[in-house]
């Protein structure tokens, strides 16, 4: 029996090594700004200062400030031509174009039936995933047609964040990570402990735990710690094949490659 256990462990250790990633340093810039909130597909950095959103590129900066709402809660730049800002205190979401001009406003207070939204993440087309505090459900909302699709699976624990790509939505709580497909069916429910943040990479996950970064392959059910220089990770972002880390003093970009 012990022989087979050893073979089993060696097999999955080999799988982990075979499918592990390596990270090539692309740049390391000095930058002191505690309010970096996002990076888009074109390497633009999004910063929030004094309730104003600033989009910084290599050539030009763009600005957006709403005169009615304050305290931007979260931002989604998955589609950099339909940037989404959420003002949780006002239960309102704003859609911006790539120059930060306003496209539309979604006030969940006046939607019938009304919603109390605390978390959101962009999906495909004109859809967004939202967490509705009134029924403790995940819902897929089309803000053009004003239609909701409710996910019936129960969510346990405090919801920390929603992350999505065009196929799946992941819900991070203080006790589990849930993975739903576009139709709202529950794919996986994974018990966790002390994970503060997740980011999506090729339908798998990077996550932050105790100031360390890990990669989780959901097909092989394998996780491993990233072998990076010692950093005080304030925030991190995964965009396409790049990993960005902000450590309060530097903004660092790694190219993600298969070994």
C-alpha atoms as a PDB file:
ATOM      1  CA  UNK A   1       0.000   0.000   0.000  1.00  0.00           C
ATOM      2  CA  UNK A   2       2.829   2.378   0.926  1.00  0.00           C
ATOM      3  CA  UNK A   3       4.436   1.709  -2.466  1.00  0.00           C
ATOM      4  CA  UNK A   4       1.303   2.826  -4.299  1.00  0.00           C
ATOM      5  CA  UNK A   5       1.017   5.935  -2.116  1.00  0.00           C
ATOM      6  CA  UNK A   6       4.586   6.894  -2.995  1.00  0.00           C
ATOM      7  CA  UNK A   7       3.932   6.300  -6.709  1.00  0.00           C
ATOM      8  CA  UNK A   8       0.746   8.381  -6.438  1.00  0.00           C
ATOM      9  CA  UNK A   9       2.631  11.229  -4.780  1.00  0.00           C
ATOM     10  CA  UNK A  10       5.459  11.087  -7.293  1.00  0.00           C
ATOM     11  CA  UNK A  11       2.979  11.063 -10.177  1.00  0.00           C
ATOM     12  CA  UNK A  12       1.206  14.196  -9.033  1.00  0.00           C
ATOM     13  CA  UNK A  13       4.491  15.851  -8.099  1.00  0.00           C
ATOM     14  CA  UNK A  14       5.636  15.244 -11.682  1.00  0.00           C
ATOM     15  CA  UNK A  15       2.375  16.676 -12.983  1.00  0.00           C
ATOM     16  CA  UNK A  16       2.855  19.774 -10.855  1.00  0.00           C
ATOM     17  CA  UNK A  17       6.382  20.262 -12.173  1.00  0.00           C
ATOM     18  CA  UNK A  18       5.336  19.595 -15.748  1.00  0.00           C
ATOM     19  CA  UNK A  19       2.505  22.101 -15.588  1.00  0.00           C
ATOM     20  CA  UNK A  20       4.212  24.670 -13.398  1.00  0.00           C
ATOM     21  CA  UNK A  21       4.834  28.160 -14.668  1.00  0.00           C
ATOM     22  CA  UNK A  22       7.865  30.369 -14.815  1.00  0.00           C
ATOM     23  CA  UNK A  23       7.933  34.140 -14.634  1.00  0.00           C
ATOM     24  CA  UNK A  24      10.235  36.315 -16.699  1.00  0.00           C
ATOM     25  CA  UNK A  25      10.780  39.813 -15.338  1.00  0.00           C
ATOM     26  CA  UNK A  26       9.630  42.352 -17.910  1.00  0.00           C
ATOM     27  CA  UNK A  27      10.044  45.573 -15.963  1.00  0.00           C
ATOM     28  CA  UNK A  28      10.241  46.972 -12.448  1.00  0.00           C
ATOM     29  CA  UNK A  29       9.265  50.616 -12.093  1.00  0.00           C
ATOM     30  CA  UNK A  30       9.398  52.820  -9.061  1.00  0.00           C
ATOM     31  CA  UNK A  31       5.908  54.088  -8.379  1.00  0.00           C
ATOM     32  CA  UNK A  32       4.454  55.368  -5.129  1.00  0.00           C
ATOM     33  CA  UNK A  33       0.689  55.362  -5.325  1.00  0.00           C
ATOM     34  CA  UNK A  34      -1.436  53.375  -2.922  1.00  0.00           C
ATOM     35  CA  UNK A  35      -4.518  53.609  -5.107  1.00  0.00           C
ATOM     36  CA  UNK A  36      -3.675  51.484  -8.150  1.00  0.00           C
ATOM     37  CA  UNK A  37      -6.901  49.621  -8.909  1.00  0.00           C
ATOM     38  CA  UNK A  38      -6.496  47.909 -12.291  1.00  0.00           C
ATOM     39  CA  UNK A  39      -4.388  47.251 -15.379  1.00  0.00           C
ATOM     40  CA  UNK A  40      -5.950  46.646 -18.795  1.00  0.00           C
ATOM     41  CA  UNK A  41      -4.950  44.636 -21.885  1.00  0.00           C
ATOM     42  CA  UNK A  42      -2.957  47.602 -23.231  1.00  0.00           C
ATOM     43  CA  UNK A  43      -0.874  48.037 -20.043  1.00  0.00           C
ATOM     44  CA  UNK A  44      -2.781  51.150 -19.023  1.00  0.00           C
ATOM     45  CA  UNK A  45      -2.845  51.716 -15.262  1.00  0.00           C
ATOM     46  CA  UNK A  46      -5.998  52.866 -13.478  1.00  0.00           C
ATOM     47  CA  UNK A  47      -5.658  54.901 -10.299  1.00  0.00           C
ATOM     48  CA  UNK A  48      -8.272  56.432  -7.997  1.00  0.00           C
ATOM     49  CA  UNK A  49      -7.382  59.704  -6.299  1.00  0.00           C
ATOM     50  CA  UNK A  50      -9.871  61.950  -4.481  1.00  0.00           C
ATOM     51  CA  UNK A  51     -12.846  60.139  -6.016  1.00  0.00           C
ATOM     52  CA  UNK A  52     -11.405  60.627  -9.494  1.00  0.00           C
ATOM     53  CA  UNK A  53     -10.483  57.813 -11.865  1.00  0.00           C
ATOM     54  CA  UNK A  54      -7.217  58.364 -13.743  1.00  0.00           C
ATOM     55  CA  UNK A  55      -6.219  56.215 -16.700  1.00  0.00           C
ATOM     56  CA  UNK A  56      -2.468  56.479 -17.326  1.00  0.00           C
ATOM     57  CA  UNK A  57      -0.874  55.368 -20.574  1.00  0.00           C
ATOM     58  CA  UNK A  58       2.595  55.943 -22.008  1.00  0.00           C
ATOM     59  CA  UNK A  59       1.333  58.850 -24.078  1.00  0.00           C
ATOM     60  CA  UNK A  60      -1.658  60.423 -22.337  1.00  0.00           C
ATOM     61  CA  UNK A  61      -3.753  60.469 -19.176  1.00  0.00           C
ATOM     62  CA  UNK A  62      -7.552  60.455 -19.022  1.00  0.00           C
ATOM     63  CA  UNK A  63      -9.751  61.536 -16.120  1.00  0.00           C
ATOM     64  CA  UNK A  64     -13.266  60.854 -14.879  1.00  0.00           C
ATOM     65  CA  UNK A  65     -15.021  62.269 -11.843  1.00  0.00           C
ATOM     66  CA  UNK A  66     -18.726  61.998 -11.137  1.00  0.00           C
ATOM     67  CA  UNK A  67     -20.245  65.105  -9.549  1.00  0.00           C
ATOM     68  CA  UNK A  68     -23.114  63.127  -7.989  1.00  0.00           C
ATOM     69  CA  UNK A  69     -21.327  60.076  -6.576  1.00  0.00           C
ATOM     70  CA  UNK A  70     -18.260  59.613  -4.417  1.00  0.00           C
ATOM     71  CA  UNK A  71     -16.181  56.696  -3.120  1.00  0.00           C
ATOM     72  CA  UNK A  72     -15.564  54.424  -6.101  1.00  0.00           C
ATOM     73  CA  UNK A  73     -15.874  50.912  -4.665  1.00  0.00           C
ATOM     74  CA  UNK A  74     -14.501  48.833  -7.529  1.00  0.00           C
ATOM     75  CA  UNK A  75     -13.541  48.936 -11.184  1.00  0.00           C
ATOM     76  CA  UNK A  76     -13.608  46.370 -14.000  1.00  0.00           C
ATOM     77  CA  UNK A  77     -11.454  46.915 -17.106  1.00  0.00           C
ATOM     78  CA  UNK A  78     -11.814  43.466 -18.656  1.00  0.00           C
ATOM     79  CA  UNK A  79     -13.259  45.265 -21.674  1.00  0.00           C
ATOM     80  CA  UNK A  80     -11.192  48.448 -21.908  1.00  0.00           C
ATOM     81  CA  UNK A  81     -13.793  49.977 -24.242  1.00  0.00           C
ATOM     82  CA  UNK A  82     -16.557  49.433 -21.675  1.00  0.00           C
ATOM     83  CA  UNK A  83     -14.943  50.238 -18.337  1.00  0.00           C
ATOM     84  CA  UNK A  84     -17.225  49.761 -15.360  1.00  0.00           C
ATOM     85  CA  UNK A  85     -17.144  51.728 -12.109  1.00  0.00           C
ATOM     86  CA  UNK A  86     -19.227  50.757  -9.109  1.00  0.00           C
ATOM     87  CA  UNK A  87     -20.348  53.140  -6.368  1.00  0.00           C
ATOM     88  CA  UNK A  88     -21.603  50.803  -3.647  1.00  0.00           C
ATOM     89  CA  UNK A  89     -22.826  53.617  -1.389  1.00  0.00           C
ATOM     90  CA  UNK A  90     -25.189  54.700  -4.169  1.00  0.00           C
ATOM     91  CA  UNK A  91     -25.958  51.221  -5.539  1.00  0.00           C
ATOM     92  CA  UNK A  92     -24.975  52.537  -8.967  1.00  0.00           C
ATOM     93  CA  UNK A  93     -22.707  51.372 -11.776  1.00  0.00           C
ATOM     94  CA  UNK A  94     -21.242  53.638 -14.482  1.00  0.00           C
ATOM     95  CA  UNK A  95     -20.038  52.405 -17.899  1.00  0.00           C
ATOM     96  CA  UNK A  96     -17.229  54.407 -19.555  1.00  0.00           C
ATOM     97  CA  UNK A  97     -15.535  54.240 -22.940  1.00  0.00           C
ATOM     98  CA  UNK A  98     -11.780  53.952 -23.437  1.00  0.00           C
ATOM     99  CA  UNK A  99     -11.376  57.740 -23.035  1.00  0.00           C
ATOM    100  CA  UNK A 100     -13.392  57.688 -19.791  1.00  0.00           C
ATOM    101  CA  UNK A 101     -16.422  59.344 -21.329  1.00  0.00           C
ATOM    102  CA  UNK A 102     -19.678  58.157 -19.806  1.00  0.00           C
ATOM    103  CA  UNK A 103     -21.713  55.682 -21.862  1.00  0.00           C
ATOM    104  CA  UNK A 104     -24.455  54.713 -19.435  1.00  0.00           C
ATOM    105  CA  UNK A 105     -25.537  54.695 -15.812  1.00  0.00           C
ATOM    106  CA  UNK A 106     -27.206  51.771 -14.034  1.00  0.00           C
ATOM    107  CA  UNK A 107     -29.024  52.664 -10.826  1.00  0.00           C
ATOM    108  CA  UNK A 108     -30.041  49.423  -9.122  1.00  0.00           C
ATOM    109  CA  UNK A 109     -32.331  51.348  -6.751  1.00  0.00           C
ATOM    110  CA  UNK A 110     -34.828  52.087  -9.508  1.00  0.00           C
ATOM    111  CA  UNK A 111     -34.685  48.734 -11.265  1.00  0.00           C
ATOM    112  CA  UNK A 112     -37.836  46.647 -10.821  1.00  0.00           C
ATOM    113  CA  UNK A 113     -37.446  44.645  -8.694  1.00  0.00           C
ATOM    114  CA  UNK A 114     -34.794  46.727  -6.921  1.00  0.00           C
ATOM    115  CA  UNK A 115     -31.425  45.218  -6.018  1.00  0.00           C
ATOM    116  CA  UNK A 116     -28.822  45.913  -3.370  1.00  0.00           C
ATOM    117  CA  UNK A 117     -25.525  45.125  -5.072  1.00  0.00           C
ATOM    118  CA  UNK A 118     -22.255  44.764  -3.184  1.00  0.00           C
ATOM    119  CA  UNK A 119     -19.986  43.026  -5.729  1.00  0.00           C
ATOM    120  CA  UNK A 120     -19.863  42.779  -9.515  1.00  0.00           C
ATOM    121  CA  UNK A 121     -17.746  41.536 -12.401  1.00  0.00           C
ATOM    122  CA  UNK A 122     -18.109  42.047 -16.146  1.00  0.00           C
ATOM    123  CA  UNK A 123     -19.198  39.157 -18.332  1.00  0.00           C
ATOM    124  CA  UNK A 124     -19.564  38.976 -22.117  1.00  0.00           C
ATOM    125  CA  UNK A 125     -21.534  41.376 -24.338  1.00  0.00           C
ATOM    126  CA  UNK A 126     -23.609  43.680 -22.132  1.00  0.00           C
ATOM    127  CA  UNK A 127     -23.844  41.315 -19.163  1.00  0.00           C
ATOM    128  CA  UNK A 128     -22.450  41.693 -15.679  1.00  0.00           C
ATOM    129  CA  UNK A 129     -22.359  39.299 -12.749  1.00  0.00           C
ATOM    130  CA  UNK A 130     -23.656  40.828  -9.518  1.00  0.00           C
ATOM    131  CA  UNK A 131     -24.108  39.722  -5.922  1.00  0.00           C
ATOM    132  CA  UNK A 132     -27.538  40.785  -4.653  1.00  0.00           C
ATOM    133  CA  UNK A 133     -27.576  41.341  -0.888  1.00  0.00           C
ATOM    134  CA  UNK A 134     -31.376  41.176  -0.765  1.00  0.00           C
ATOM    135  CA  UNK A 135     -31.528  37.484  -1.655  1.00  0.00           C
ATOM    136  CA  UNK A 136     -27.847  36.504  -1.155  1.00  0.00           C
ATOM    137  CA  UNK A 137     -27.749  35.292  -4.758  1.00  0.00           C
ATOM    138  CA  UNK A 138     -25.430  35.659  -7.730  1.00  0.00           C
ATOM    139  CA  UNK A 139     -27.267  37.094 -10.727  1.00  0.00           C
ATOM    140  CA  UNK A 140     -26.345  37.711 -14.357  1.00  0.00           C
ATOM    141  CA  UNK A 141     -27.665  41.099 -15.447  1.00  0.00           C
ATOM    142  CA  UNK A 142     -28.026  42.395 -18.998  1.00  0.00           C
ATOM    143  CA  UNK A 143     -28.025  46.164 -18.613  1.00  0.00           C
ATOM    144  CA  UNK A 144     -29.258  46.798 -22.157  1.00  0.00           C
ATOM    145  CA  UNK A 145     -32.312  44.536 -21.959  1.00  0.00           C
ATOM    146  CA  UNK A 146     -32.715  45.042 -18.188  1.00  0.00           C
ATOM    147  CA  UNK A 147     -33.038  41.300 -17.565  1.00  0.00           C
ATOM    148  CA  UNK A 148     -31.707  39.185 -14.697  1.00  0.00           C
ATOM    149  CA  UNK A 149     -30.849  35.495 -14.554  1.00  0.00           C
ATOM    150  CA  UNK A 150     -30.691  34.276 -10.939  1.00  0.00           C
ATOM    151  CA  UNK A 151     -28.200  31.577  -9.940  1.00  0.00           C
ATOM    152  CA  UNK A 152     -30.040  29.282  -7.559  1.00  0.00           C
ATOM    153  CA  UNK A 153     -27.001  27.821  -5.790  1.00  0.00           C
ATOM    154  CA  UNK A 154     -26.614  28.949  -2.192  1.00  0.00           C
ATOM    155  CA  UNK A 155     -23.541  31.027  -1.352  1.00  0.00           C
ATOM    156  CA  UNK A 156     -22.157  30.482   2.149  1.00  0.00           C
ATOM    157  CA  UNK A 157     -19.887  32.909   3.945  1.00  0.00           C
ATOM    158  CA  UNK A 158     -19.087  36.562   3.359  1.00  0.00           C
ATOM    159  CA  UNK A 159     -18.622  37.389  -0.331  1.00  0.00           C
ATOM    160  CA  UNK A 160     -15.211  39.002  -0.871  1.00  0.00           C
ATOM    161  CA  UNK A 161     -15.152  39.364  -4.660  1.00  0.00           C
ATOM    162  CA  UNK A 162     -16.468  38.199  -8.030  1.00  0.00           C
ATOM    163  CA  UNK A 163     -14.081  37.479 -10.905  1.00  0.00           C
ATOM    164  CA  UNK A 164     -15.104  36.375 -14.378  1.00  0.00           C
ATOM    165  CA  UNK A 165     -14.070  35.824 -17.949  1.00  0.00           C
ATOM    166  CA  UNK A 166     -16.406  35.238 -20.859  1.00  0.00           C
ATOM    167  CA  UNK A 167     -17.076  31.625 -19.847  1.00  0.00           C
ATOM    168  CA  UNK A 168     -17.107  31.404 -16.061  1.00  0.00           C
ATOM    169  CA  UNK A 169     -17.682  33.392 -12.893  1.00  0.00           C
ATOM    170  CA  UNK A 170     -15.736  32.719  -9.681  1.00  0.00           C
ATOM    171  CA  UNK A 171     -17.113  33.826  -6.334  1.00  0.00           C
ATOM    172  CA  UNK A 172     -14.614  34.223  -3.507  1.00  0.00           C
ATOM    173  CA  UNK A 173     -16.035  34.051   0.017  1.00  0.00           C
ATOM    174  CA  UNK A 174     -14.278  33.744   3.345  1.00  0.00           C
ATOM    175  CA  UNK A 175     -14.840  29.985   3.281  1.00  0.00           C
ATOM    176  CA  UNK A 176     -15.142  28.819  -0.367  1.00  0.00           C
ATOM    177  CA  UNK A 177     -14.438  29.531  -4.010  1.00  0.00           C
ATOM    178  CA  UNK A 178     -17.431  28.862  -6.271  1.00  0.00           C
ATOM    179  CA  UNK A 179     -17.140  28.455 -10.027  1.00  0.00           C
ATOM    180  CA  UNK A 180     -20.232  28.955 -12.216  1.00  0.00           C
ATOM    181  CA  UNK A 181     -20.604  28.639 -15.957  1.00  0.00           C
ATOM    182  CA  UNK A 182     -22.278  31.274 -18.104  1.00  0.00           C
ATOM    183  CA  UNK A 183     -25.668  29.605 -17.646  1.00  0.00           C
ATOM    184  CA  UNK A 184     -25.410  29.797 -13.862  1.00  0.00           C
ATOM    185  CA  UNK A 185     -24.678  26.129 -13.209  1.00  0.00           C
ATOM    186  CA  UNK A 186     -22.328  25.398 -10.326  1.00  0.00           C
ATOM    187  CA  UNK A 187     -19.160  23.718 -11.636  1.00  0.00           C
ATOM    188  CA  UNK A 188     -17.035  23.495  -8.489  1.00  0.00           C
ATOM    189  CA  UNK A 189     -17.149  24.500  -4.822  1.00  0.00           C
ATOM    190  CA  UNK A 190     -13.765  24.484  -3.098  1.00  0.00           C
ATOM    191  CA  UNK A 191     -13.214  24.972   0.630  1.00  0.00           C
ATOM    192  CA  UNK A 192     -10.495  27.541   1.365  1.00  0.00           C
ATOM    193  CA  UNK A 193      -8.818  29.294   4.258  1.00  0.00           C
ATOM    194  CA  UNK A 194      -7.546  32.878   4.416  1.00  0.00           C
ATOM    195  CA  UNK A 195      -7.447  33.656   0.689  1.00  0.00           C
ATOM    196  CA  UNK A 196      -7.625  37.424   0.204  1.00  0.00           C
ATOM    197  CA  UNK A 197      -7.692  37.791  -3.589  1.00  0.00           C
ATOM    198  CA  UNK A 198      -8.053  35.734  -6.760  1.00  0.00           C
ATOM    199  CA  UNK A 199      -7.192  36.446 -10.399  1.00  0.00           C
ATOM    200  CA  UNK A 200      -8.042  34.366 -13.486  1.00  0.00           C
ATOM    201  CA  UNK A 201      -5.487  32.822 -15.831  1.00  0.00           C
ATOM    202  CA  UNK A 202      -6.595  30.472 -18.630  1.00  0.00           C
ATOM    203  CA  UNK A 203      -9.656  29.308 -16.656  1.00  0.00           C
ATOM    204  CA  UNK A 204      -7.423  28.631 -13.647  1.00  0.00           C
ATOM    205  CA  UNK A 205      -6.610  30.822 -10.670  1.00  0.00           C
ATOM    206  CA  UNK A 206      -3.855  32.778  -9.046  1.00  0.00           C
ATOM    207  CA  UNK A 207      -4.561  33.625  -5.430  1.00  0.00           C
ATOM    208  CA  UNK A 208      -2.987  35.601  -2.619  1.00  0.00           C
ATOM    209  CA  UNK A 209      -2.647  34.078   0.824  1.00  0.00           C
ATOM    210  CA  UNK A 210      -0.540  35.424   3.713  1.00  0.00           C
ATOM    211  CA  UNK A 211       1.389  37.734   1.367  1.00  0.00           C
ATOM    212  CA  UNK A 212       2.309  34.836  -0.934  1.00  0.00           C
ATOM    213  CA  UNK A 213       1.034  34.067  -4.410  1.00  0.00           C
ATOM    214  CA  UNK A 214      -0.170  30.630  -5.486  1.00  0.00           C
ATOM    215  CA  UNK A 215      -1.346  29.077  -8.738  1.00  0.00           C
ATOM    216  CA  UNK A 216      -4.207  26.595  -8.765  1.00  0.00           C
ATOM    217  CA  UNK A 217      -4.775  24.280 -11.725  1.00  0.00           C
ATOM    218  CA  UNK A 218      -8.456  23.344 -11.542  1.00  0.00           C
ATOM    219  CA  UNK A 219      -8.114  20.482 -14.017  1.00  0.00           C
ATOM    220  CA  UNK A 220      -5.318  18.709 -12.147  1.00  0.00           C
ATOM    221  CA  UNK A 221      -6.466  19.910  -8.707  1.00  0.00           C
ATOM    222  CA  UNK A 222      -2.919  21.029  -7.975  1.00  0.00           C
ATOM    223  CA  UNK A 223      -1.742  24.221  -6.318  1.00  0.00           C
ATOM    224  CA  UNK A 224       1.772  25.498  -5.771  1.00  0.00           C
ATOM    225  CA  UNK A 225       3.461  28.615  -4.442  1.00  0.00           C
ATOM    226  CA  UNK A 226       5.063  30.988  -6.903  1.00  0.00           C
ATOM    227  CA  UNK A 227       8.828  31.194  -6.660  1.00  0.00           C
ATOM    228  CA  UNK A 228       9.243  34.963  -6.813  1.00  0.00           C
ATOM    229  CA  UNK A 229      11.517  37.419  -5.050  1.00  0.00           C
ATOM    230  CA  UNK A 230      10.409  38.388  -1.568  1.00  0.00           C
ATOM    231  CA  UNK A 231       7.831  41.129  -2.042  1.00  0.00           C
ATOM    232  CA  UNK A 232       5.348  42.869   0.173  1.00  0.00           C
ATOM    233  CA  UNK A 233       2.390  42.290  -2.139  1.00  0.00           C
ATOM    234  CA  UNK A 234      -0.116  45.089  -1.764  1.00  0.00           C
ATOM    235  CA  UNK A 235      -2.010  44.086  -4.899  1.00  0.00           C
ATOM    236  CA  UNK A 236      -1.615  41.946  -8.001  1.00  0.00           C
ATOM    237  CA  UNK A 237      -3.259  41.658 -11.411  1.00  0.00           C
ATOM    238  CA  UNK A 238      -3.215  38.986 -14.116  1.00  0.00           C
ATOM    239  CA  UNK A 239      -3.844  40.239 -17.651  1.00  0.00           C
ATOM    240  CA  UNK A 240      -3.516  37.854 -20.611  1.00  0.00           C
ATOM    241  CA  UNK A 241      -0.054  36.293 -20.173  1.00  0.00           C
ATOM    242  CA  UNK A 242       1.270  38.861 -17.705  1.00  0.00           C
ATOM    243  CA  UNK A 243       1.420  39.076 -13.925  1.00  0.00           C
ATOM    244  CA  UNK A 244       1.591  42.553 -12.366  1.00  0.00           C
ATOM    245  CA  UNK A 245       2.550  43.083  -8.727  1.00  0.00           C
ATOM    246  CA  UNK A 246       2.410  46.313  -6.749  1.00  0.00           C
ATOM    247  CA  UNK A 247       4.474  46.336  -3.540  1.00  0.00           C
ATOM    248  CA  UNK A 248       3.824  49.959  -2.426  1.00  0.00           C
ATOM    249  CA  UNK A 249       7.108  51.111  -3.973  1.00  0.00           C
ATOM    250  CA  UNK A 250       7.411  49.316  -7.296  1.00  0.00           C
ATOM    251  CA  UNK A 251       5.168  48.210 -10.109  1.00  0.00           C
ATOM    252  CA  UNK A 252       6.496  44.923 -11.465  1.00  0.00           C
ATOM    253  CA  UNK A 253       5.532  43.019 -14.590  1.00  0.00           C
ATOM    254  CA  UNK A 254       6.323  39.345 -15.203  1.00  0.00           C
ATOM    255  CA  UNK A 255       5.699  37.428 -18.400  1.00  0.00           C
ATOM    256  CA  UNK A 256       3.963  34.120 -17.599  1.00  0.00           C
ATOM    257  CA  UNK A 257       5.403  31.140 -19.449  1.00  0.00           C
ATOM    258  CA  UNK A 258       4.984  27.388 -19.318  1.00  0.00           C
ATOM    259  CA  UNK A 259       8.098  25.511 -18.285  1.00  0.00           C
END
